[in-house]
Amino acid sequence: MANVLSKSNIANSNTIEAWQVSQSVDAFTGIVDYDITLSGSFKVTGSTILSGSATVVGGDLTTRGFSNATSSWATNVVNIPTNVSRFVSPSGNPPTLFPTQMIVGSGVIPSGSSILLIDITPVDFTGKILGTDVFITVGLSSSYSTSSMSFYPRADSIGPNSITFTTQTTSSFAVSFFYTAIYKS
């Protein structure tokens, strides 16, 4: 259990003690674990790294990768392509950097099927190769789990404005998933 910042003994005319100041320093530098609750607006300038899970309650989340993501963001949504800093090609010394973009979305492979084609217009993959110019990750929705990888969707192919997802085995149940595609601009 993490510590909680304490206001104990902080009052007018009292002496501020070292532990009262150092608890804040320890909390914000990560030296000691503290549960911190913020009220009101919070703005971060610069890089932010989240480790663990993040939950948005009672509002919208807006980041570079997700536009107004809410609890229902993964309902066949394709966001307008978002700029990502760069794509690193492993060939060359030093590596070659390319501008990239990213889209996210979701799909459901219906029961009795092993294939789903998703239209990603306005994205254009013309001339791009899956695994070279386009990289797609797939995750199962939180309401679905399987012990067999044969039901796990994968990005099988790309068209100019589409991604085809397949499973190895036709399922007797619908397979819900989400995906992220990062591609060279």
C-alpha atoms as a PDB file:
ATOM      1  CA  MET A   1       0.000   0.000   0.000  1.00  0.00           C
ATOM      2  CA  ALA A   2       1.409   3.379  -0.988  1.00  0.00           C
ATOM      3  CA  ASN A   3       1.728   6.272   1.454  1.00  0.00           C
ATOM      4  CA  VAL A   4      -0.610   9.271   1.454  1.00  0.00           C
ATOM      5  CA  LEU A   5       0.667  12.847   1.704  1.00  0.00           C
ATOM      6  CA  SER A   6      -0.028  14.150   5.196  1.00  0.00           C
ATOM      7  CA  LYS A   7      -0.993  17.638   6.377  1.00  0.00           C
ATOM      8  CA  SER A   8      -0.475  16.548   9.976  1.00  0.00           C
ATOM      9  CA  ASN A   9       0.684  19.427  12.194  1.00  0.00           C
ATOM     10  CA  ILE A  10       0.546  21.959   9.352  1.00  0.00           C
ATOM     11  CA  ALA A  11      -1.239  25.034  10.696  1.00  0.00           C
ATOM     12  CA  ASN A  12      -0.680  28.744  11.202  1.00  0.00           C
ATOM     13  CA  SER A  13       2.053  29.459  13.764  1.00  0.00           C
ATOM     14  CA  ASN A  14       3.388  25.864  13.700  1.00  0.00           C
ATOM     15  CA  THR A  15       6.936  25.090  12.645  1.00  0.00           C
ATOM     16  CA  ILE A  16       7.283  23.281   9.317  1.00  0.00           C
ATOM     17  CA  GLU A  17       9.404  20.177   9.842  1.00  0.00           C
ATOM     18  CA  ALA A  18      11.747  18.498   7.360  1.00  0.00           C
ATOM     19  CA  TRP A  19       9.581  15.358   6.982  1.00  0.00           C
ATOM     20  CA  GLN A  20       6.629  17.522   5.906  1.00  0.00           C
ATOM     21  CA  VAL A  21       8.627  18.909   2.979  1.00  0.00           C
ATOM     22  CA  SER A  22      10.563  15.740   2.146  1.00  0.00           C
ATOM     23  CA  GLN A  23       7.391  13.628   1.790  1.00  0.00           C
ATOM     24  CA  SER A  24       6.407  15.751  -1.232  1.00  0.00           C
ATOM     25  CA  VAL A  25       9.909  15.505  -2.713  1.00  0.00           C
ATOM     26  CA  ASP A  26       9.912  11.723  -2.139  1.00  0.00           C
ATOM     27  CA  ALA A  27       6.460  11.407  -3.742  1.00  0.00           C
ATOM     28  CA  PHE A  28       7.205  13.448  -6.873  1.00  0.00           C
ATOM     29  CA  THR A  29      10.667  11.991  -7.474  1.00  0.00           C
ATOM     30  CA  GLY A  30       9.456   8.418  -6.978  1.00  0.00           C
ATOM     31  CA  ILE A  31      11.808   7.661  -4.097  1.00  0.00           C
ATOM     32  CA  VAL A  32       8.829   6.494  -1.995  1.00  0.00           C
ATOM     33  CA  ASP A  33       5.452   5.303  -3.324  1.00  0.00           C
ATOM     34  CA  TYR A  34       2.586   7.729  -2.635  1.00  0.00           C
ATOM     35  CA  ASP A  35      -1.041   7.728  -3.753  1.00  0.00           C
ATOM     36  CA  ILE A  36      -1.674  11.240  -5.077  1.00  0.00           C
ATOM     37  CA  THR A  37      -5.095  12.647  -5.909  1.00  0.00           C
ATOM     38  CA  LEU A  38      -5.403  15.823  -7.960  1.00  0.00           C
ATOM     39  CA  SER A  39      -8.523  17.938  -8.186  1.00  0.00           C
ATOM     40  CA  GLY A  40      -9.215  20.419 -10.955  1.00  0.00           C
ATOM     41  CA  SER A  41      -7.314  20.773 -14.214  1.00  0.00           C
ATOM     42  CA  PHE A  42      -3.897  19.235 -14.730  1.00  0.00           C
ATOM     43  CA  LYS A  43      -1.575  20.159 -17.594  1.00  0.00           C
ATOM     44  CA  VAL A  44       1.704  18.453 -18.436  1.00  0.00           C
ATOM     45  CA  THR A  45       4.236  20.026 -20.774  1.00  0.00           C
ATOM     46  CA  GLY A  46       6.908  17.686 -22.066  1.00  0.00           C
ATOM     47  CA  SER A  47       7.131  13.914 -22.224  1.00  0.00           C
ATOM     48  CA  THR A  48       4.967  11.746 -20.007  1.00  0.00           C
ATOM     49  CA  ILE A  49       5.525   8.068 -19.307  1.00  0.00           C
ATOM     50  CA  LEU A  50       2.748   6.035 -17.702  1.00  0.00           C
ATOM     51  CA  SER A  51       3.649   2.729 -16.119  1.00  0.00           C
ATOM     52  CA  GLY A  52       0.741   0.520 -15.114  1.00  0.00           C
ATOM     53  CA  SER A  53      -2.860   1.213 -16.047  1.00  0.00           C
ATOM     54  CA  ALA A  54      -4.685   4.484 -16.699  1.00  0.00           C
ATOM     55  CA  THR A  55      -8.389   5.051 -16.148  1.00  0.00           C
ATOM     56  CA  VAL A  56     -10.473   7.980 -17.373  1.00  0.00           C
ATOM     57  CA  VAL A  57     -13.578   8.577 -15.267  1.00  0.00           C
ATOM     58  CA  GLY A  58     -16.293  11.072 -16.183  1.00  0.00           C
ATOM     59  CA  GLY A  59     -14.604  12.771 -19.133  1.00  0.00           C
ATOM     60  CA  ASP A  60     -12.773  12.446 -22.424  1.00  0.00           C
ATOM     61  CA  LEU A  61      -9.144  11.565 -22.987  1.00  0.00           C
ATOM     62  CA  THR A  62      -7.346  13.430 -25.737  1.00  0.00           C
ATOM     63  CA  THR A  63      -3.818  12.429 -26.723  1.00  0.00           C
ATOM     64  CA  ARG A  64      -1.794  12.348 -29.924  1.00  0.00           C
ATOM     65  CA  GLY A  65      -2.865   8.769 -30.617  1.00  0.00           C
ATOM     66  CA  PHE A  66      -6.500   8.860 -29.548  1.00  0.00           C
ATOM     67  CA  SER A  67      -8.860  11.708 -30.249  1.00  0.00           C
ATOM     68  CA  ASN A  68     -11.554  12.068 -27.570  1.00  0.00           C
ATOM     69  CA  ALA A  69     -11.127   8.465 -26.438  1.00  0.00           C
ATOM     70  CA  THR A  70     -13.874   7.362 -24.090  1.00  0.00           C
ATOM     71  CA  SER A  71     -15.033   4.020 -22.770  1.00  0.00           C
ATOM     72  CA  SER A  72     -16.723   3.482 -26.126  1.00  0.00           C
ATOM     73  CA  TRP A  73     -13.775   4.537 -28.315  1.00  0.00           C
ATOM     74  CA  ALA A  74     -13.250   1.028 -29.690  1.00  0.00           C
ATOM     75  CA  THR A  75     -16.442   0.729 -31.729  1.00  0.00           C
ATOM     76  CA  ASN A  76     -15.325   0.431 -35.358  1.00  0.00           C
ATOM     77  CA  VAL A  77     -13.554   3.769 -35.093  1.00  0.00           C
ATOM     78  CA  VAL A  78     -10.803   4.879 -37.411  1.00  0.00           C
ATOM     79  CA  ASN A  79      -9.262   8.120 -36.236  1.00  0.00           C
ATOM     80  CA  ILE A  80      -7.948  10.649 -38.689  1.00  0.00           C
ATOM     81  CA  PRO A  81      -4.256   9.788 -39.171  1.00  0.00           C
ATOM     82  CA  THR A  82      -2.129  11.175 -36.376  1.00  0.00           C
ATOM     83  CA  ASN A  83       1.501  12.210 -36.781  1.00  0.00           C
ATOM     84  CA  VAL A  84       3.964  10.081 -34.851  1.00  0.00           C
ATOM     85  CA  SER A  85       7.517  11.293 -34.474  1.00  0.00           C
ATOM     86  CA  ARG A  86       9.370   8.882 -36.780  1.00  0.00           C
ATOM     87  CA  PHE A  87       9.825   5.416 -38.238  1.00  0.00           C
ATOM     88  CA  VAL A  88      13.235   3.794 -37.860  1.00  0.00           C
ATOM     89  CA  SER A  89      14.409   1.535 -40.648  1.00  0.00           C
ATOM     90  CA  PRO A  90      16.920  -1.029 -39.356  1.00  0.00           C
ATOM     91  CA  SER A  91      19.030  -0.791 -42.493  1.00  0.00           C
ATOM     92  CA  GLY A  92      21.764   1.751 -42.821  1.00  0.00           C
ATOM     93  CA  ASN A  93      24.253   3.122 -40.369  1.00  0.00           C
ATOM     94  CA  PRO A  94      23.006   5.340 -38.759  1.00  0.00           C
ATOM     95  CA  PRO A  95      19.368   4.160 -39.081  1.00  0.00           C
ATOM     96  CA  THR A  96      17.154   5.927 -41.627  1.00  0.00           C
ATOM     97  CA  LEU A  97      14.325   7.968 -40.074  1.00  0.00           C
ATOM     98  CA  PHE A  98      10.965   8.415 -41.804  1.00  0.00           C
ATOM     99  CA  PRO A  99       7.910  10.488 -40.788  1.00  0.00           C
ATOM    100  CA  THR A 100       5.054   8.223 -39.702  1.00  0.00           C
ATOM    101  CA  GLN A 101       1.356   8.343 -38.951  1.00  0.00           C
ATOM    102  CA  MET A 102      -0.880   6.195 -36.771  1.00  0.00           C
ATOM    103  CA  ILE A 103      -4.504   5.053 -36.778  1.00  0.00           C
ATOM    104  CA  VAL A 104      -6.448   2.994 -34.238  1.00  0.00           C
ATOM    105  CA  GLY A 105      -9.705   1.125 -34.560  1.00  0.00           C
ATOM    106  CA  SER A 106     -11.573  -2.050 -33.758  1.00  0.00           C
ATOM    107  CA  GLY A 107     -13.482  -4.837 -35.395  1.00  0.00           C
ATOM    108  CA  VAL A 108     -15.471  -7.989 -34.842  1.00  0.00           C
ATOM    109  CA  ILE A 109     -14.922 -11.168 -36.838  1.00  0.00           C
ATOM    110  CA  PRO A 110     -18.432 -12.641 -36.814  1.00  0.00           C
ATOM    111  CA  SER A 111     -19.131 -16.185 -35.598  1.00  0.00           C
ATOM    112  CA  GLY A 112     -18.820 -18.692 -38.418  1.00  0.00           C
ATOM    113  CA  SER A 113     -16.170 -16.578 -40.155  1.00  0.00           C
ATOM    114  CA  SER A 114     -12.400 -16.244 -40.057  1.00  0.00           C
ATOM    115  CA  ILE A 115     -11.992 -12.990 -42.010  1.00  0.00           C
ATOM    116  CA  LEU A 116     -12.893  -9.306 -41.700  1.00  0.00           C
ATOM    117  CA  LEU A 117     -12.066  -6.454 -44.101  1.00  0.00           C
ATOM    118  CA  ILE A 118     -12.056  -2.987 -42.491  1.00  0.00           C
ATOM    119  CA  ASP A 119     -12.292   0.174 -44.593  1.00  0.00           C
ATOM    120  CA  ILE A 120      -9.757   2.725 -43.316  1.00  0.00           C
ATOM    121  CA  THR A 121     -10.567   5.628 -45.637  1.00  0.00           C
ATOM    122  CA  PRO A 122      -9.092   8.370 -45.665  1.00  0.00           C
ATOM    123  CA  VAL A 123      -5.846   6.447 -45.088  1.00  0.00           C
ATOM    124  CA  ASP A 124      -4.074   5.434 -48.324  1.00  0.00           C
ATOM    125  CA  PHE A 125      -1.729   2.414 -48.209  1.00  0.00           C
ATOM    126  CA  THR A 126      -1.101   2.466 -51.988  1.00  0.00           C
ATOM    127  CA  GLY A 127       2.446   1.217 -52.648  1.00  0.00           C
ATOM    128  CA  LYS A 128       3.004   0.280 -48.991  1.00  0.00           C
ATOM    129  CA  ILE A 129       4.033  -3.200 -47.822  1.00  0.00           C
ATOM    130  CA  LEU A 130       2.758  -4.797 -44.608  1.00  0.00           C
ATOM    131  CA  GLY A 131       5.731  -5.440 -42.307  1.00  0.00           C
ATOM    132  CA  THR A 132       7.964  -2.974 -44.165  1.00  0.00           C
ATOM    133  CA  ASP A 133       6.018   0.290 -44.483  1.00  0.00           C
ATOM    134  CA  VAL A 134       3.006  -0.598 -42.298  1.00  0.00           C
ATOM    135  CA  PHE A 135       3.094  -2.238 -38.865  1.00  0.00           C
ATOM    136  CA  ILE A 136      -0.152  -3.384 -37.236  1.00  0.00           C
ATOM    137  CA  THR A 137      -0.648  -4.656 -33.695  1.00  0.00           C
ATOM    138  CA  VAL A 138      -3.821  -6.439 -32.624  1.00  0.00           C
ATOM    139  CA  GLY A 139      -5.277  -6.977 -29.163  1.00  0.00           C
ATOM    140  CA  LEU A 140      -8.366  -8.821 -27.976  1.00  0.00           C
ATOM    141  CA  SER A 141     -11.126  -6.827 -26.322  1.00  0.00           C
ATOM    142  CA  SER A 142     -11.236  -7.071 -22.526  1.00  0.00           C
ATOM    143  CA  SER A 143     -14.518  -9.008 -22.696  1.00  0.00           C
ATOM    144  CA  TYR A 144     -12.980 -11.870 -24.660  1.00  0.00           C
ATOM    145  CA  SER A 145     -10.235 -14.350 -23.927  1.00  0.00           C
ATOM    146  CA  THR A 146      -9.014 -17.533 -25.551  1.00  0.00           C
ATOM    147  CA  SER A 147      -6.435 -20.135 -24.699  1.00  0.00           C
ATOM    148  CA  SER A 148      -5.945 -20.943 -28.387  1.00  0.00           C
ATOM    149  CA  MET A 149      -3.953 -18.665 -30.668  1.00  0.00           C
ATOM    150  CA  SER A 150      -5.923 -20.077 -33.634  1.00  0.00           C
ATOM    151  CA  PHE A 151      -8.778 -17.663 -32.746  1.00  0.00           C
ATOM    152  CA  TYR A 152      -6.468 -14.653 -32.299  1.00  0.00           C
ATOM    153  CA  PRO A 153      -6.898 -12.129 -35.156  1.00  0.00           C
ATOM    154  CA  ARG A 154      -3.923 -10.954 -37.176  1.00  0.00           C
ATOM    155  CA  ALA A 155      -3.484  -8.379 -39.904  1.00  0.00           C
ATOM    156  CA  ASP A 156      -3.268 -10.610 -42.968  1.00  0.00           C
ATOM    157  CA  SER A 157      -3.061  -8.053 -45.778  1.00  0.00           C
ATOM    158  CA  ILE A 158      -3.561  -4.404 -46.668  1.00  0.00           C
ATOM    159  CA  GLY A 159      -5.254  -2.752 -49.625  1.00  0.00           C
ATOM    160  CA  PRO A 160      -5.136   0.901 -50.668  1.00  0.00           C
ATOM    161  CA  ASN A 161      -7.862   1.805 -48.119  1.00  0.00           C
ATOM    162  CA  SER A 162      -8.338  -1.398 -46.134  1.00  0.00           C
ATOM    163  CA  ILE A 163      -6.875  -3.911 -43.712  1.00  0.00           C
ATOM    164  CA  THR A 164      -7.887  -7.592 -43.813  1.00  0.00           C
ATOM    165  CA  PHE A 165      -7.825  -9.396 -40.471  1.00  0.00           C
ATOM    166  CA  THR A 166      -7.992 -13.192 -40.239  1.00  0.00           C
ATOM    167  CA  THR A 167      -7.974 -15.995 -37.687  1.00  0.00           C
ATOM    168  CA  GLN A 168      -6.490 -19.462 -38.329  1.00  0.00           C
ATOM    169  CA  THR A 169      -9.739 -21.187 -37.366  1.00  0.00           C
ATOM    170  CA  THR A 170     -13.387 -20.345 -38.014  1.00  0.00           C
ATOM    171  CA  SER A 171     -14.959 -19.625 -34.646  1.00  0.00           C
ATOM    172  CA  SER A 172     -18.406 -20.482 -33.304  1.00  0.00           C
ATOM    173  CA  PHE A 173     -18.347 -17.113 -31.531  1.00  0.00           C
ATOM    174  CA  ALA A 174     -17.613 -13.506 -32.558  1.00  0.00           C
ATOM    175  CA  VAL A 175     -14.035 -12.332 -31.956  1.00  0.00           C
ATOM    176  CA  SER A 176     -13.801  -8.661 -30.878  1.00  0.00           C
ATOM    177  CA  PHE A 177     -10.450  -6.921 -31.235  1.00  0.00           C
ATOM    178  CA  PHE A 178      -8.747  -3.545 -31.514  1.00  0.00           C
ATOM    179  CA  TYR A 179      -5.749  -2.559 -33.613  1.00  0.00           C
ATOM    180  CA  THR A 180      -3.081   0.092 -34.033  1.00  0.00           C
ATOM    181  CA  ALA A 181      -1.441   0.710 -37.402  1.00  0.00           C
ATOM    182  CA  ILE A 182       1.731   2.763 -37.705  1.00  0.00           C
ATOM    183  CA  TYR A 183       2.845   3.541 -41.235  1.00  0.00           C
ATOM    184  CA  LYS A 184       5.304   5.622 -43.236  1.00  0.00           C
ATOM    185  CA  SER A 185       3.800   8.944 -44.309  1.00  0.00           C
END
